[in-house]
Amino acid sequence: MAVFRHLYESRLRRLIHTSSSVIFGPRGSLTATTMALSDADVQKQIKHMMAFIEQEANEKAEEIDAKAEEEFNIEKGRLVQTQRLKIMEYYEKKEKQIEQQKKIQMSNLMNQARLKVLKARDDMISEMLNEARQRLGNVAKDPARYPALMDGLILQGFYQLLEPKVTIRCRKQDVQMVQASIQRNIPIFKAAVKMNIEVRIDQDNFIHPDVSGGVELYNANGKIKVANTLESRLDLMAQQMMPEIRVSLFGANPNRKFLD
């Protein structure tokens, strides 16, 4: 900068000495004159012109700085806005993921609670049925109820099979009762279906002793079976009446539209 200023001053001096008719007017403008300039006047004019040039340079520099600052602020604002949008998008995505995870977790907890309730209900029903099975033995011990029940089980088996030859299995201690029931039910069956029937008791294979009572009926070749034991009748009744049992124990299900 100092070298530039020195060269510039030298050129101004030569210009002023060779053109004595030119002097600097206000703000560095050139005006015509016939007066000769002294060295002091030349230095004064040089300083005045340098001040003008420096002022113009400073104004230009300030203009450039202002424009650069404006462009910087615009670019900075654009970058900030872009990053802000990215951050907002990121956290919106994270929020949705967290919300989805909460829904999944809540659904899993509700399903687990629902399964626990269903298991507790099933356990209660199983306990109730087990208690009913234990009480079936009392039915077979009742001499007033059991023979009538046996008549109904055997006659129902005849109607279900509709076979001319039937084999009956029963408990060993029920053989005489079953024989008497057969004699009572054959005439009823013949009168109802107009078909002869031959019935025998399987003396080689009895129902398992753990069975509370009742009979099993087979056709002639043993391929068709009607299980009319007390346990099988209890299971069938429990299956058919399970909706009513559940309503009695746990109340009606508001979400269930069909009871079939």
Protein backbone atom coordinates (compact mmCIF):
# COMPACT_ATOMS: atom_id res chain seq x y z
CA MET A 1 0.00 0.00 0.00
CA ALA A 2 2.87 2.41 0.85
CA VAL A 3 4.62 1.65 -2.45
CA PHE A 4 1.40 2.24 -4.37
CA ARG A 5 0.88 5.57 -2.60
CA HIS A 6 4.50 6.68 -3.30
CA LEU A 7 4.21 5.88 -7.01
CA TYR A 8 0.84 7.58 -7.18
CA GLU A 9 2.22 10.77 -5.54
CA SER A 10 5.18 10.84 -7.97
CA ARG A 11 2.91 10.61 -10.99
CA LEU A 12 0.68 13.37 -9.61
CA ARG A 13 3.67 15.68 -9.11
CA ARG A 14 4.84 15.18 -12.70
CA LEU A 15 1.32 15.74 -13.95
CA ILE A 16 0.93 18.96 -11.97
CA HIS A 17 4.38 20.38 -12.95
CA THR A 18 3.87 19.66 -16.65
CA SER A 19 0.38 21.16 -16.67
CA SER A 20 0.59 24.36 -14.67
CA SER A 21 -2.80 25.41 -15.94
CA VAL A 22 -4.64 22.60 -14.13
CA ILE A 23 -5.52 22.64 -10.43
CA PHE A 24 -7.90 20.64 -8.28
CA GLY A 25 -11.25 22.09 -7.46
CA PRO A 26 -13.68 21.12 -4.74
CA ARG A 27 -13.76 17.35 -3.95
CA GLY A 28 -10.86 16.70 -6.27
CA SER A 29 -12.42 17.99 -9.51
CA LEU A 30 -10.04 19.54 -12.04
CA THR A 31 -10.42 23.20 -13.07
CA ALA A 32 -8.45 25.32 -15.56
CA THR A 33 -6.16 28.08 -14.23
CA THR A 34 -3.20 30.09 -15.39
CA MET A 35 -1.54 30.24 -12.01
CA ALA A 36 1.61 28.27 -11.29
CA LEU A 37 1.46 25.91 -8.27
CA SER A 38 4.07 25.73 -5.58
CA ASP A 39 5.25 22.47 -4.01
CA ALA A 40 3.07 23.12 -0.98
CA ASP A 41 0.03 23.55 -3.20
CA VAL A 42 0.92 20.39 -5.05
CA GLN A 43 1.21 18.44 -1.81
CA LYS A 44 -2.07 19.88 -0.65
CA GLN A 45 -3.81 18.91 -3.86
CA ILE A 46 -2.28 15.44 -3.72
CA LYS A 47 -3.47 14.91 -0.17
CA HIS A 48 -6.89 16.22 -1.11
CA MET A 49 -7.09 13.87 -4.08
CA MET A 50 -5.80 10.92 -2.05
CA ALA A 51 -8.38 11.61 0.63
CA PHE A 52 -11.07 11.64 -2.04
CA ILE A 53 -9.82 8.38 -3.53
CA GLU A 54 -9.52 6.80 -0.10
CA GLN A 55 -13.06 7.91 0.76
CA GLU A 56 -14.37 6.42 -2.47
CA ALA A 57 -12.44 3.23 -1.79
CA ASN A 58 -13.81 3.04 1.75
CA GLU A 59 -17.34 3.59 0.51
CA LYS A 60 -16.85 0.90 -2.12
CA ALA A 61 -15.36 -1.43 0.48
CA GLU A 62 -18.29 -0.75 2.81
CA GLU A 63 -20.69 -1.43 -0.04
CA ILE A 64 -18.92 -4.70 -0.81
CA ASP A 65 -18.91 -5.62 2.89
CA ALA A 66 -22.60 -4.78 3.20
CA LYS A 67 -23.46 -6.85 0.16
CA ALA A 68 -21.30 -9.71 1.40
CA GLU A 69 -22.94 -9.46 4.83
CA GLU A 70 -26.38 -9.50 3.23
CA GLU A 71 -25.54 -12.53 1.09
CA PHE A 72 -24.01 -14.21 4.13
CA ASN A 73 -27.14 -13.58 6.20
CA ILE A 74 -29.35 -14.87 3.38
CA GLU A 75 -27.27 -18.02 2.99
CA LYS A 76 -27.07 -18.47 6.75
CA GLY A 77 -30.85 -18.10 7.03
CA ARG A 78 -31.35 -20.61 4.23
CA LEU A 79 -29.02 -23.12 5.87
CA VAL A 80 -30.60 -22.56 9.29
CA GLN A 81 -34.09 -23.02 7.83
CA THR A 82 -33.01 -26.17 5.98
CA GLN A 83 -31.44 -27.66 9.08
CA ARG A 84 -34.42 -26.62 11.20
CA LEU A 85 -36.78 -28.40 8.81
CA LYS A 86 -34.57 -31.47 8.88
CA ILE A 87 -34.51 -31.45 12.69
CA MET A 88 -38.29 -30.98 12.84
CA GLU A 89 -38.78 -33.81 10.36
CA TYR A 90 -36.43 -36.04 12.34
CA TYR A 91 -38.22 -35.44 15.63
CA GLU A 92 -41.64 -35.78 14.02
CA LYS A 93 -40.53 -39.15 12.70
CA LYS A 94 -39.17 -40.13 16.12
CA GLU A 95 -42.42 -38.99 17.75
CA LYS A 96 -44.45 -41.12 15.34
CA GLN A 97 -42.19 -44.09 16.02
CA ILE A 98 -42.56 -43.64 19.78
CA GLU A 99 -46.33 -43.29 19.42
CA GLN A 100 -46.44 -46.44 17.30
CA GLN A 101 -44.33 -48.30 19.85
CA LYS A 102 -46.68 -47.14 22.61
CA LYS A 103 -49.68 -48.42 20.67
CA ILE A 104 -47.98 -51.77 20.03
CA GLN A 105 -46.95 -52.06 23.67
CA MET A 106 -50.44 -51.14 24.86
CA SER A 107 -51.96 -53.66 22.46
CA ASN A 108 -49.59 -56.36 23.71
CA LEU A 109 -50.42 -55.57 27.33
CA MET A 110 -54.14 -55.65 26.59
CA ASN A 111 -53.79 -58.96 24.75
CA GLN A 112 -51.80 -60.43 27.63
CA ALA A 113 -54.41 -59.24 30.12
CA ARG A 114 -57.20 -60.61 27.92
CA LEU A 115 -55.43 -63.97 27.65
CA LYS A 116 -55.01 -64.09 31.42
CA VAL A 117 -58.72 -63.40 31.89
CA LEU A 118 -59.66 -66.07 29.35
CA LYS A 119 -57.32 -68.58 30.97
CA ALA A 120 -58.75 -67.83 34.40
CA ARG A 121 -62.27 -68.34 33.03
CA ASP A 122 -61.32 -71.58 31.31
CA ASP A 123 -59.68 -72.80 34.52
CA MET A 124 -62.84 -72.00 36.45
CA ILE A 125 -65.02 -73.87 33.94
CA SER A 126 -62.61 -76.84 33.98
CA GLU A 127 -62.76 -76.95 37.77
CA MET A 128 -66.55 -76.82 37.64
CA LEU A 129 -66.69 -79.68 35.11
CA ASN A 130 -64.23 -81.74 37.14
CA GLU A 131 -66.38 -81.24 40.20
CA ALA A 132 -69.44 -82.31 38.18
CA ARG A 133 -67.59 -85.45 37.01
CA GLN A 134 -66.76 -86.31 40.59
CA ARG A 135 -70.44 -86.04 41.46
CA LEU A 136 -71.46 -88.40 38.65
CA GLY A 137 -70.61 -91.34 40.87
CA ASN A 138 -73.43 -90.31 43.18
CA VAL A 139 -75.92 -90.68 40.31
CA ALA A 140 -75.00 -94.33 39.76
CA LYS A 141 -75.40 -94.97 43.49
CA ASP A 142 -78.98 -93.67 43.53
CA PRO A 143 -81.29 -96.70 43.03
CA ALA A 144 -84.26 -94.49 42.27
CA ARG A 145 -82.68 -92.35 39.54
CA TYR A 146 -80.03 -94.54 37.92
CA PRO A 147 -82.31 -97.29 36.43
CA ALA A 148 -84.55 -94.68 34.79
CA LEU A 149 -81.49 -92.88 33.46
CA MET A 150 -80.14 -96.17 32.10
CA ASP A 151 -83.41 -96.80 30.24
CA GLY A 152 -83.14 -93.42 28.56
CA LEU A 153 -79.49 -93.90 27.58
CA ILE A 154 -80.09 -97.33 26.03
CA LEU A 155 -83.23 -96.32 24.15
CA GLN A 156 -81.51 -93.22 22.80
CA GLY A 157 -78.63 -95.41 21.61
CA PHE A 158 -81.08 -97.65 19.75
CA TYR A 159 -82.54 -94.65 17.96
CA GLN A 160 -79.12 -93.28 17.06
CA LEU A 161 -77.82 -96.55 15.62
CA LEU A 162 -81.01 -97.84 13.93
CA GLU A 163 -79.26 -101.18 13.44
CA PRO A 164 -80.88 -104.66 13.58
CA LYS A 165 -78.03 -105.98 15.74
CA VAL A 166 -76.60 -104.03 18.65
CA THR A 167 -73.85 -104.82 21.16
CA ILE A 168 -73.81 -103.03 24.51
CA ARG A 169 -70.87 -102.52 26.83
CA CYS A 170 -71.43 -101.46 30.41
CA ARG A 171 -69.78 -101.61 33.79
CA LYS A 172 -69.50 -105.10 35.21
CA GLN A 173 -71.68 -104.21 38.18
CA ASP A 174 -74.40 -102.85 35.86
CA VAL A 175 -74.94 -106.03 33.78
CA GLN A 176 -78.21 -107.06 35.44
CA MET A 177 -79.59 -103.52 35.33
CA VAL A 178 -78.68 -103.20 31.65
CA GLN A 179 -80.25 -106.58 30.84
CA ALA A 180 -83.51 -105.53 32.47
CA SER A 181 -83.41 -102.17 30.67
CA ILE A 182 -82.90 -103.92 27.31
CA GLN A 183 -86.00 -106.02 27.85
CA ARG A 184 -88.02 -102.91 28.63
CA ASN A 185 -86.73 -100.86 25.68
CA ILE A 186 -86.89 -103.39 22.82
CA PRO A 187 -90.73 -103.30 22.61
CA ILE A 188 -90.66 -99.49 22.73
CA PHE A 189 -88.10 -99.34 19.90
CA LYS A 190 -90.00 -101.86 17.74
CA ALA A 191 -93.23 -99.96 18.15
CA ALA A 192 -91.59 -96.65 17.28
CA VAL A 193 -89.52 -97.61 14.20
CA LYS A 194 -91.30 -100.79 13.08
CA MET A 195 -88.03 -102.74 13.00
CA ASN A 196 -86.82 -105.83 14.84
CA ILE A 197 -83.67 -105.50 16.91
CA GLU A 198 -81.32 -108.05 18.46
CA VAL A 199 -79.31 -106.85 21.45
CA ARG A 200 -76.53 -108.55 23.37
CA ILE A 201 -74.27 -107.48 26.23
CA ASP A 202 -70.52 -107.78 25.67
CA GLN A 203 -69.47 -109.97 28.60
CA ASP A 204 -65.81 -109.98 27.54
CA ASN A 205 -65.20 -106.23 27.36
CA PHE A 206 -66.59 -103.99 30.04
CA ILE A 207 -66.38 -100.23 30.38
CA HIS A 208 -63.37 -99.04 32.36
CA PRO A 209 -64.01 -99.06 36.12
CA ASP A 210 -63.19 -95.34 36.34
CA VAL A 211 -66.30 -94.55 34.28
CA SER A 212 -69.14 -93.46 36.56
CA GLY A 213 -71.86 -95.26 34.64
CA GLY A 214 -73.87 -95.49 31.44
CA VAL A 215 -73.34 -97.62 28.33
CA GLU A 216 -71.60 -97.80 24.96
CA LEU A 217 -73.52 -99.18 21.97
CA TYR A 218 -71.97 -100.66 18.79
CA ASN A 219 -73.36 -101.97 15.52
CA ALA A 220 -72.77 -105.58 14.43
CA ASN A 221 -69.23 -105.07 13.07
CA GLY A 222 -68.24 -102.57 15.79
CA LYS A 223 -67.45 -99.74 13.37
CA ILE A 224 -70.23 -97.47 14.60
CA LYS A 225 -70.20 -96.44 18.24
CA VAL A 226 -72.61 -94.46 20.39
CA ALA A 227 -71.02 -93.35 23.65
CA ASN A 228 -73.75 -92.85 26.23
CA THR A 229 -71.68 -93.00 29.39
CA LEU A 230 -72.34 -90.44 32.10
CA GLU A 231 -69.02 -88.70 31.33
CA SER A 232 -69.73 -88.48 27.59
CA ARG A 233 -73.20 -87.09 28.26
CA LEU A 234 -71.74 -84.52 30.64
CA ASP A 235 -69.17 -83.47 28.03
CA LEU A 236 -71.86 -83.20 25.35
CA MET A 237 -74.12 -81.18 27.61
CA ALA A 238 -71.24 -78.91 28.64
CA GLN A 239 -70.38 -78.31 24.97
CA GLN A 240 -73.96 -77.51 24.02
CA MET A 241 -74.62 -75.34 27.05
CA MET A 242 -71.24 -73.60 27.20
CA PRO A 243 -72.63 -70.20 26.03
CA GLU A 244 -75.28 -70.30 28.77
CA ILE A 245 -72.71 -71.44 31.31
CA ARG A 246 -70.38 -68.56 30.43
CA VAL A 247 -73.21 -66.03 30.65
CA SER A 248 -74.25 -67.41 34.04
CA LEU A 249 -70.70 -67.29 35.39
CA PHE A 250 -69.24 -64.18 33.75
CA GLY A 251 -72.17 -62.24 32.34
CA ALA A 252 -73.02 -61.46 28.73
CA ASN A 253 -70.19 -60.46 26.40
CA PRO A 254 -71.06 -57.03 24.90
CA ASN A 255 -68.81 -57.71 21.89
CA ARG A 256 -70.50 -60.97 20.96
CA LYS A 257 -73.30 -60.64 18.41
CA PHE A 258 -74.10 -64.31 17.82
CA LEU A 259 -74.68 -67.01 20.43
CA ASP A 260 -74.66 -70.02 18.08
